[in-house]
PDB file of N, CA and C in Angstrom:
ATOM      1  N   MET A   1     185.106 -13.651  92.569  1.00  0.00           N
ATOM      2  CA  MET A   1     184.111 -14.478  92.693  1.00  0.00           C
ATOM      3  C   MET A   1     182.652 -13.176  92.055  1.00  0.00           C
ATOM      4  N   ASN A   2     182.287 -13.055  91.319  1.00  0.00           N
ATOM      5  CA  ASN A   2     181.326 -12.459  91.445  1.00  0.00           C
ATOM      6  C   ASN A   2     180.125 -13.077  91.545  1.00  0.00           C
ATOM      7  N   MET A   3     179.265 -12.263  92.956  1.00  0.00           N
ATOM      8  CA  MET A   3     178.213 -13.159  93.532  1.00  0.00           C
ATOM      9  C   MET A   3     176.758 -13.188  92.828  1.00  0.00           C
ATOM     10  N   SER A   4     176.848 -11.890  91.826  1.00  0.00           N
ATOM     11  CA  SER A   4     175.091 -11.835  90.882  1.00  0.00           C
ATOM     12  C   SER A   4     175.505 -13.526  90.027  1.00  0.00           C
ATOM     13  N   LYS A   5     176.548 -13.613  89.436  1.00  0.00           N
ATOM     14  CA  LYS A   5     176.202 -14.984  88.572  1.00  0.00           C
ATOM     15  C   LYS A   5     176.419 -16.150  89.675  1.00  0.00           C
ATOM     16  N   GLU A   6     176.888 -16.173  90.581  1.00  0.00           N
ATOM     17  CA  GLU A   6     176.550 -17.164  91.832  1.00  0.00           C
ATOM     18  C   GLU A   6     174.903 -17.080  92.572  1.00  0.00           C
ATOM     19  N   LEU A   7     174.208 -16.128  92.405  1.00  0.00           N
ATOM     20  CA  LEU A   7     173.048 -16.140  92.794  1.00  0.00           C
ATOM     21  C   LEU A   7     171.966 -15.708  91.912  1.00  0.00           C
ATOM     22  N   ARG A   8     171.986 -16.588  90.489  1.00  0.00           N
ATOM     23  CA  ARG A   8     171.585 -16.474  89.770  1.00  0.00           C
ATOM     24  C   ARG A   8     169.743 -17.692  90.095  1.00  0.00           C
ATOM     25  N   LYS A   9     169.587 -17.159  90.980  1.00  0.00           N
ATOM     26  CA  LYS A   9     168.330 -18.377  91.469  1.00  0.00           C
ATOM     27  C   LYS A   9     167.331 -17.844  91.660  1.00  0.00           C
ATOM     28  N   SER A  10     166.116 -18.233  91.844  1.00  0.00           N
ATOM     29  CA  SER A  10     164.639 -17.458  92.150  1.00  0.00           C
ATOM     30  C   SER A  10     164.414 -18.324  93.129  1.00  0.00           C
ATOM     31  N   ILE A  11     163.542 -17.947  93.880  1.00  0.00           N
ATOM     32  CA  ILE A  11     162.472 -17.937  95.019  1.00  0.00           C
ATOM     33  C   ILE A  11     160.835 -17.735  94.568  1.00  0.00           C
ATOM     34  N   SER A  12     160.184 -18.744  94.426  1.00  0.00           N
ATOM     35  CA  SER A  12     158.663 -17.939  94.503  1.00  0.00           C
ATOM     36  C   SER A  12     158.031 -17.660  95.963  1.00  0.00           C
ATOM     37  N   LEU A  13     157.855 -16.531  96.281  1.00  0.00           N
ATOM     38  CA  LEU A  13     157.153 -16.256  97.586  1.00  0.00           C
ATOM     39  C   LEU A  13     155.988 -16.209  97.881  1.00  0.00           C
ATOM     40  N   ARG A  14     155.144 -17.080  98.693  1.00  0.00           N
ATOM     41  CA  ARG A  14     153.879 -16.885  99.175  1.00  0.00           C
ATOM     42  C   ARG A  14     153.574 -15.821  99.601  1.00  0.00           C
ATOM     43  N   ILE A  15     154.663 -15.211 100.879  1.00  0.00           N
ATOM     44  CA  ILE A  15     154.084 -13.670 101.332  1.00  0.00           C
ATOM     45  C   ILE A  15     155.200 -13.090 100.847  1.00  0.00           C
ATOM     46  N   PRO A  16     154.597 -11.823 100.061  1.00  0.00           N
ATOM     47  CA  PRO A  16     155.708 -11.227  99.117  1.00  0.00           C
ATOM     48  C   PRO A  16     156.723 -10.194 100.292  1.00  0.00           C
ATOM     49  N   LEU A  17     158.038  -9.898  99.909  1.00  0.00           N
ATOM     50  CA  LEU A  17     159.212  -9.527 100.648  1.00  0.00           C
ATOM     51  C   LEU A  17     158.812  -7.786 100.299  1.00  0.00           C
ATOM     52  N   THR A  18     158.088  -7.444 101.462  1.00  0.00           N
ATOM     53  CA  THR A  18     158.289  -5.653 101.260  1.00  0.00           C
ATOM     54  C   THR A  18     159.498  -5.085 101.526  1.00  0.00           C
ATOM     55  N   VAL A  19     160.196  -3.814 101.150  1.00  0.00           N
ATOM     56  CA  VAL A  19     161.058  -3.142 101.505  1.00  0.00           C
ATOM     57  C   VAL A  19     160.638  -1.700 101.366  1.00  0.00           C
ATOM     58  N   GLN A  20     161.030  -1.039 102.305  1.00  0.00           N
ATOM     59  CA  GLN A  20     161.313   0.413 102.113  1.00  0.00           C
ATOM     60  C   GLN A  20     162.398   1.017 101.321  1.00  0.00           C
ATOM     61  N   ILE A  21     162.285   1.949 100.379  1.00  0.00           N
ATOM     62  CA  ILE A  21     162.920   2.247  99.632  1.00  0.00           C
ATOM     63  C   ILE A  21     163.515   3.736  99.856  1.00  0.00           C
ATOM     64  N   HIS A  22     164.436   4.207 100.202  1.00  0.00           N
ATOM     65  CA  HIS A  22     164.691   5.919  99.964  1.00  0.00           C
ATOM     66  C   HIS A  22     165.861   5.934  99.047  1.00  0.00           C
ATOM     67  N   LYS A  23     165.817   7.341  98.758  1.00  0.00           N
ATOM     68  CA  LYS A  23     167.595   7.701  98.491  1.00  0.00           C
ATOM     69  C   LYS A  23     167.940   8.531  99.120  1.00  0.00           C
ATOM     70  N   LEU A  24     169.211   8.763  99.226  1.00  0.00           N
ATOM     71  CA  LEU A  24     169.985   9.978 100.164  1.00  0.00           C
ATOM     72  C   LEU A  24     171.132   9.939  99.094  1.00  0.00           C
ATOM     73  N   ASP A  25     171.188  11.388  98.879  1.00  0.00           N
ATOM     74  CA  ASP A  25     172.502  11.892  97.856  1.00  0.00           C
ATOM     75  C   ASP A  25     172.322  10.638  96.861  1.00  0.00           C
ATOM     76  N   SER A  26     173.027  10.324  96.228  1.00  0.00           N
ATOM     77  CA  SER A  26     173.310   9.592  94.950  1.00  0.00           C
ATOM     78  C   SER A  26     173.031   7.939  95.079  1.00  0.00           C
ATOM     79  N   HIS A  27     173.037   7.511  96.423  1.00  0.00           N
ATOM     80  CA  HIS A  27     172.837   6.076  96.782  1.00  0.00           C
ATOM     81  C   HIS A  27     171.049   6.025  97.253  1.00  0.00           C
ATOM     82  N   TRP A  28     170.501   4.693  96.548  1.00  0.00           N
ATOM     83  CA  TRP A  28     169.224   4.179  96.719  1.00  0.00           C
ATOM     84  C   TRP A  28     169.683   3.097  97.848  1.00  0.00           C
ATOM     85  N   PHE A  29     168.599   3.119  98.989  1.00  0.00           N
ATOM     86  CA  PHE A  29     168.509   1.932  99.972  1.00  0.00           C
ATOM     87  C   PHE A  29     167.045   1.222 100.188  1.00  0.00           C
ATOM     88  N   CYS A  30     167.774   0.209 100.200  1.00  0.00           N
ATOM     89  CA  CYS A  30     166.085  -0.887 100.653  1.00  0.00           C
ATOM     90  C   CYS A  30     166.410  -1.631 102.277  1.00  0.00           C
ATOM     91  N   GLU A  31     165.062  -1.626 102.493  1.00  0.00           N
ATOM     92  CA  GLU A  31     165.114  -2.179 103.888  1.00  0.00           C
ATOM     93  C   GLU A  31     163.701  -3.387 104.506  1.00  0.00           C
ATOM     94  N   ASN A  32     164.488  -3.987 105.019  1.00  0.00           N
ATOM     95  CA  ASN A  32     163.148  -4.837 105.656  1.00  0.00           C
ATOM     96  C   ASN A  32     163.733  -5.328 106.920  1.00  0.00           C
ATOM     97  N   THR A  33     162.666  -4.181 107.958  1.00  0.00           N
ATOM     98  CA  THR A  33     163.569  -4.684 109.505  1.00  0.00           C
ATOM     99  C   THR A  33     162.805  -5.689 109.768  1.00  0.00           C
ATOM    100  N   GLU A  34     161.694  -6.235 109.815  1.00  0.00           N
ATOM    101  CA  GLU A  34     161.516  -7.302 110.356  1.00  0.00           C
ATOM    102  C   GLU A  34     162.260  -8.759 109.963  1.00  0.00           C
ATOM    103  N   LEU A  35     163.347  -8.632 108.292  1.00  0.00           N
ATOM    104  CA  LEU A  35     163.929  -9.578 108.602  1.00  0.00           C
ATOM    105  C   LEU A  35     165.530  -9.124 108.581  1.00  0.00           C
ATOM    106  N   GLY A  36     165.248  -8.165 109.105  1.00  0.00           N
ATOM    107  CA  GLY A  36     166.773  -7.922 108.996  1.00  0.00           C
ATOM    108  C   GLY A  36     168.009  -7.436 108.437  1.00  0.00           C
ATOM    109  N   LEU A  37     166.989  -7.085 106.926  1.00  0.00           N
ATOM    110  CA  LEU A  37     167.709  -7.143 105.590  1.00  0.00           C
ATOM    111  C   LEU A  37     167.580  -5.855 104.739  1.00  0.00           C
ATOM    112  N   ALA A  38     169.277  -5.120 104.613  1.00  0.00           N
ATOM    113  CA  ALA A  38     169.222  -3.721 104.272  1.00  0.00           C
ATOM    114  C   ALA A  38     170.164  -3.772 102.932  1.00  0.00           C
ATOM    115  N   SER A  39     170.236  -3.056 102.007  1.00  0.00           N
ATOM    116  CA  SER A  39     171.152  -2.815 100.934  1.00  0.00           C
ATOM    117  C   SER A  39     171.060  -1.768 100.407  1.00  0.00           C
ATOM    118  N   CYS A  40     171.856  -1.384  99.686  1.00  0.00           N
ATOM    119  CA  CYS A  40     172.436   0.257  98.608  1.00  0.00           C
ATOM    120  C   CYS A  40     172.665  -0.001  97.617  1.00  0.00           C
ATOM    121  N   GLY A  41     172.644   0.645  96.762  1.00  0.00           N
ATOM    122  CA  GLY A  41     172.890   0.676  95.533  1.00  0.00           C
ATOM    123  C   GLY A  41     173.213   1.872  94.771  1.00  0.00           C
ATOM    124  N   THR A  42     173.776   2.162  92.973  1.00  0.00           N
ATOM    125  CA  THR A  42     173.569   3.239  92.815  1.00  0.00           C
ATOM    126  C   THR A  42     172.471   3.615  92.163  1.00  0.00           C
ATOM    127  N   SER A  43     171.464   2.482  92.008  1.00  0.00           N
ATOM    128  CA  SER A  43     170.100   3.020  91.170  1.00  0.00           C
ATOM    129  C   SER A  43     169.455   1.793  92.073  1.00  0.00           C
ATOM    130  N   GLN A  44     168.250   2.505  91.845  1.00  0.00           N
ATOM    131  CA  GLN A  44     166.672   1.710  92.763  1.00  0.00           C
ATOM    132  C   GLN A  44     166.840   0.010  92.553  1.00  0.00           C
ATOM    133  N   ASP A  45     167.129   0.040  91.044  1.00  0.00           N
ATOM    134  CA  ASP A  45     167.155  -1.623  90.481  1.00  0.00           C
ATOM    135  C   ASP A  45     168.296  -2.078  91.307  1.00  0.00           C
ATOM    136  N   GLU A  46     169.393  -1.900  91.443  1.00  0.00           N
ATOM    137  CA  GLU A  46     170.739  -2.645  92.148  1.00  0.00           C
ATOM    138  C   GLU A  46     170.339  -2.888  93.367  1.00  0.00           C
ATOM    139  N   ALA A  47     169.702  -1.506  94.374  1.00  0.00           N
ATOM    140  CA  ALA A  47     169.576  -1.893  95.587  1.00  0.00           C
ATOM    141  C   ALA A  47     168.638  -3.051  95.811  1.00  0.00           C
ATOM    142  N   VAL A  48     167.617  -2.961  95.212  1.00  0.00           N
ATOM    143  CA  VAL A  48     166.340  -3.906  95.030  1.00  0.00           C
ATOM    144  C   VAL A  48     166.646  -5.325  94.913  1.00  0.00           C
ATOM    145  N   ARG A  49     167.969  -5.473  93.543  1.00  0.00           N
ATOM    146  CA  ARG A  49     168.594  -6.630  93.235  1.00  0.00           C
ATOM    147  C   ARG A  49     169.465  -7.033  94.590  1.00  0.00           C
ATOM    148  N   HIS A  50     170.146  -6.350  95.097  1.00  0.00           N
ATOM    149  CA  HIS A  50     171.019  -6.229  96.371  1.00  0.00           C
ATOM    150  C   HIS A  50     170.044  -7.252  97.815  1.00  0.00           C
ATOM    151  N   ILE A  51     168.736  -6.493  97.851  1.00  0.00           N
ATOM    152  CA  ILE A  51     168.125  -7.027  99.116  1.00  0.00           C
ATOM    153  C   ILE A  51     167.552  -8.633  98.629  1.00  0.00           C
ATOM    154  N   CYS A  52     167.158  -8.610  97.365  1.00  0.00           N
ATOM    155  CA  CYS A  52     166.705  -9.924  96.978  1.00  0.00           C
ATOM    156  C   CYS A  52     168.207 -10.819  97.040  1.00  0.00           C
ATOM    157  N   GLU A  53     169.144 -10.739  96.616  1.00  0.00           N
ATOM    158  CA  GLU A  53     170.367 -11.511  96.564  1.00  0.00           C
ATOM    159  C   GLU A  53     171.070 -11.744  98.355  1.00  0.00           C
ATOM    160  N   ASP A  54     170.537 -10.672  99.058  1.00  0.00           N
ATOM    161  CA  ASP A  54     170.710 -10.722 100.652  1.00  0.00           C
ATOM    162  C   ASP A  54     169.247 -11.871 100.855  1.00  0.00           C
ATOM    163  N   PHE A  55     168.309 -11.705 100.308  1.00  0.00           N
ATOM    164  CA  PHE A  55     167.519 -13.119 100.923  1.00  0.00           C
ATOM    165  C   PHE A  55     167.453 -14.345 100.603  1.00  0.00           C
ATOM    166  N   ILE A  56     167.939 -14.481  99.720  1.00  0.00           N
ATOM    167  CA  ILE A  56     168.369 -15.778  99.066  1.00  0.00           C
ATOM    168  C   ILE A  56     169.777 -16.140  99.623  1.00  0.00           C
ATOM    169  N   MET A  57     170.552 -15.532 100.275  1.00  0.00           N
ATOM    170  CA  MET A  57     171.790 -16.281 100.862  1.00  0.00           C
ATOM    171  C   MET A  57     171.734 -16.094 102.056  1.00  0.00           C
ATOM    172  N   THR A  58     170.504 -15.382 103.272  1.00  0.00           N
ATOM    173  CA  THR A  58     169.873 -15.953 104.141  1.00  0.00           C
ATOM    174  C   THR A  58     169.629 -16.908 104.124  1.00  0.00           C
ATOM    175  N   TRP A  59     168.689 -17.245 103.641  1.00  0.00           N
ATOM    176  CA  TRP A  59     167.686 -18.460 103.304  1.00  0.00           C
ATOM    177  C   TRP A  59     168.760 -19.775 102.960  1.00  0.00           C
ATOM    178  N   ASP A  60     169.445 -19.603 101.609  1.00  0.00           N
ATOM    179  CA  ASP A  60     170.702 -20.403 101.813  1.00  0.00           C
ATOM    180  C   ASP A  60     171.236 -20.889 103.279  1.00  0.00           C
ATOM    181  N   GLY A  61     171.665 -20.203 103.921  1.00  0.00           N
ATOM    182  CA  GLY A  61     172.423 -20.260 104.971  1.00  0.00           C
ATOM    183  C   GLY A  61     171.805 -21.315 106.262  1.00  0.00           C
ATOM    184  N   LEU A  62     170.398 -20.728 106.130  1.00  0.00           N
ATOM    185  CA  LEU A  62     169.804 -21.107 107.135  1.00  0.00           C
ATOM    186  C   LEU A  62     168.953 -22.228 106.963  1.00  0.00           C
ATOM    187  N   ARG A  63     168.537 -22.824 105.592  1.00  0.00           N
ATOM    188  CA  ARG A  63     167.036 -23.679 105.292  1.00  0.00           C
ATOM    189  C   ARG A  63     167.374 -25.226 105.876  1.00  0.00           C
ATOM    190  N   ASN A  64     168.377 -25.733 105.857  1.00  0.00           N
ATOM    191  CA  ASN A  64     168.810 -26.975 106.607  1.00  0.00           C
ATOM    192  C   ASN A  64     169.397 -26.813 107.216  1.00  0.00           C
ATOM    193  N   GLU A  65     169.555 -26.144 108.136  1.00  0.00           N
ATOM    194  CA  GLU A  65     169.926 -26.035 109.782  1.00  0.00           C
ATOM    195  C   GLU A  65     169.128 -26.819 110.955  1.00  0.00           C
ATOM    196  N   GLY A  66     169.741 -27.288 111.788  1.00  0.00           N
ATOM    197  CA  GLY A  66     168.756 -27.702 112.787  1.00  0.00           C
ATOM    198  C   GLY A  66     168.993 -27.299 114.022  1.00  0.00           C
ATOM    199  N   ASP A  67     167.429 -27.437 114.738  1.00  0.00           N
ATOM    200  CA  ASP A  67     167.574 -26.246 115.539  1.00  0.00           C
ATOM    201  C   ASP A  67     169.122 -26.110 116.743  1.00  0.00           C
ATOM    202  N   ASP A  68     169.473 -27.315 116.825  1.00  0.00           N
ATOM    203  CA  ASP A  68     170.228 -26.859 117.810  1.00  0.00           C
ATOM    204  C   ASP A  68     171.597 -26.374 117.443  1.00  0.00           C
ATOM    205  N   ASP A  69     172.045 -26.541 115.913  1.00  0.00           N
ATOM    206  CA  ASP A  69     172.921 -25.278 115.444  1.00  0.00           C
ATOM    207  C   ASP A  69     172.377 -23.950 115.331  1.00  0.00           C
ATOM    208  N   LEU A  70     171.623 -23.649 115.538  1.00  0.00           N
ATOM    209  CA  LEU A  70     170.942 -22.017 115.455  1.00  0.00           C
ATOM    210  C   LEU A  70     170.718 -21.456 116.749  1.00  0.00           C
ATOM    211  N   THR A  71     170.791 -20.085 117.172  1.00  0.00           N
ATOM    212  CA  THR A  71     170.214 -19.590 117.992  1.00  0.00           C
ATOM    213  C   THR A  71     168.917 -19.060 117.722  1.00  0.00           C
ATOM    214  N   LEU A  72     168.189 -18.830 118.728  1.00  0.00           N
ATOM    215  CA  LEU A  72     166.708 -18.630 119.007  1.00  0.00           C
ATOM    216  C   LEU A  72     166.363 -17.802 117.677  1.00  0.00           C
ATOM    217  N   ASP A  73     166.915 -16.346 118.063  1.00  0.00           N
ATOM    218  CA  ASP A  73     167.068 -15.239 116.437  1.00  0.00           C
ATOM    219  C   ASP A  73     166.945 -15.993 115.418  1.00  0.00           C
ATOM    220  N   ALA A  74     167.985 -17.060 115.297  1.00  0.00           N
ATOM    221  CA  ALA A  74     168.138 -17.315 113.732  1.00  0.00           C
ATOM    222  C   ALA A  74     167.186 -18.583 113.689  1.00  0.00           C
ATOM    223  N   ARG A  75     166.559 -19.097 114.543  1.00  0.00           N
ATOM    224  CA  ARG A  75     165.475 -19.825 113.915  1.00  0.00           C
ATOM    225  C   ARG A  75     164.280 -19.047 113.682  1.00  0.00           C
ATOM    226  N   GLU A  76     164.357 -18.237 114.878  1.00  0.00           N
ATOM    227  CA  GLU A  76     162.808 -17.831 114.071  1.00  0.00           C
ATOM    228  C   GLU A  76     162.913 -16.756 112.864  1.00  0.00           C
ATOM    229  N   LEU A  77     164.255 -16.346 112.111  1.00  0.00           N
ATOM    230  CA  LEU A  77     164.527 -16.143 111.124  1.00  0.00           C
ATOM    231  C   LEU A  77     164.149 -16.914 110.091  1.00  0.00           C
ATOM    232  N   ARG A  78     164.752 -18.370 110.237  1.00  0.00           N
ATOM    233  CA  ARG A  78     164.496 -19.320 109.315  1.00  0.00           C
ATOM    234  C   ARG A  78     163.047 -19.897 109.082  1.00  0.00           C
ATOM    235  N   ASP A  79     162.276 -19.269 110.445  1.00  0.00           N
ATOM    236  CA  ASP A  79     160.832 -20.015 110.252  1.00  0.00           C
ATOM    237  C   ASP A  79     160.039 -19.144 109.864  1.00  0.00           C
ATOM    238  N   ARG A  80     160.562 -17.911 109.966  1.00  0.00           N
ATOM    239  CA  ARG A  80     159.739 -16.860 109.263  1.00  0.00           C
ATOM    240  C   ARG A  80     159.866 -16.889 107.619  1.00  0.00           C
ATOM    241  N   LEU A  81     161.232 -16.894 107.024  1.00  0.00           N
ATOM    242  CA  LEU A  81     161.541 -17.187 105.544  1.00  0.00           C
ATOM    243  C   LEU A  81     160.600 -18.455 105.508  1.00  0.00           C
ATOM    244  N   ARG A  82     160.572 -19.188 106.138  1.00  0.00           N
ATOM    245  CA  ARG A  82     159.860 -20.817 105.494  1.00  0.00           C
ATOM    246  C   ARG A  82     158.522 -20.364 105.444  1.00  0.00           C
ATOM    247  N   GLU A  83     158.294 -19.606 106.158  1.00  0.00           N
ATOM    248  CA  GLU A  83     156.522 -19.201 105.946  1.00  0.00           C
ATOM    249  C   GLU A  83     156.186 -18.600 104.448  1.00  0.00           C
ATOM    250  N   MET A  84     156.963 -17.381 104.374  1.00  0.00           N
ATOM    251  CA  MET A  84     157.048 -16.620 103.372  1.00  0.00           C
ATOM    252  C   MET A  84     156.945 -17.467 101.823  1.00  0.00           C
ATOM    253  N   ILE A  85     157.812 -18.346 101.865  1.00  0.00           N
ATOM    254  CA  ILE A  85     158.275 -19.175 101.099  1.00  0.00           C
ATOM    255  C   ILE A  85     157.311 -20.154 100.372  1.00  0.00           C
ATOM    256  N   GLY A  86     156.513 -20.701 101.862  1.00  0.00           N
ATOM    257  CA  GLY A  86     155.593 -21.691 101.801  1.00  0.00           C
ATOM    258  C   GLY A  86     156.320 -23.235 100.998  1.00  0.00           C
ATOM    259  N   GLY A  87     155.705 -23.688 100.244  1.00  0.00           N
ATOM    260  CA  GLY A  87     156.081 -24.902  99.914  1.00  0.00           C
ATOM    261  C   GLY A  87     157.194 -25.045  98.744  1.00  0.00           C
ATOM    262  N   SER A  88     157.611 -24.005  98.408  1.00  0.00           N
ATOM    263  CA  SER A  88     157.927 -23.481  97.448  1.00  0.00           C
ATOM    264  C   SER A  88     159.414 -23.513  97.846  1.00  0.00           C
ATOM    265  N   ASP A  89     160.734 -24.270  96.867  1.00  0.00           N
ATOM    266  CA  ASP A  89     161.825 -24.414  97.043  1.00  0.00           C
ATOM    267  C   ASP A  89     162.838 -23.199  96.222  1.00  0.00           C
ATOM    268  N   ILE A  90     163.925 -23.640  96.277  1.00  0.00           N
ATOM    269  CA  ILE A  90     164.805 -22.595  95.541  1.00  0.00           C
ATOM    270  C   ILE A  90     165.073 -23.444  94.109  1.00  0.00           C
ATOM    271  N   ALA A  91     165.353 -22.334  92.958  1.00  0.00           N
ATOM    272  CA  ALA A  91     165.110 -23.311  91.593  1.00  0.00           C
ATOM    273  C   ALA A  91     166.479 -22.587  91.142  1.00  0.00           C
ATOM    274  N   GLY A  92     167.690 -23.280  90.761  1.00  0.00           N
ATOM    275  CA  GLY A  92     168.877 -22.633  90.046  1.00  0.00           C
ATOM    276  C   GLY A  92     168.686 -22.089  88.533  1.00  0.00           C
TER     277      GLY A  92
END
């Protein structure tokens, strides 16, 4: 399965997703420590695309879960993602 094709979704963020980007040898790395997201790629664009895909997959996994089904950390992450997304939702 090609994840890039499966994740052709967009999210309008009310609060921007900020990442630290650095290069080590021939790889680029993106990280957002607040959300616990990290990615890498052979180009800066690829690393950024991967962290965006991780954001969407994380949101998709948490957005409809009830509090009783999540750990405290997962609830806090879901709530932070909700703040960042605001009233918007994923559009396919």
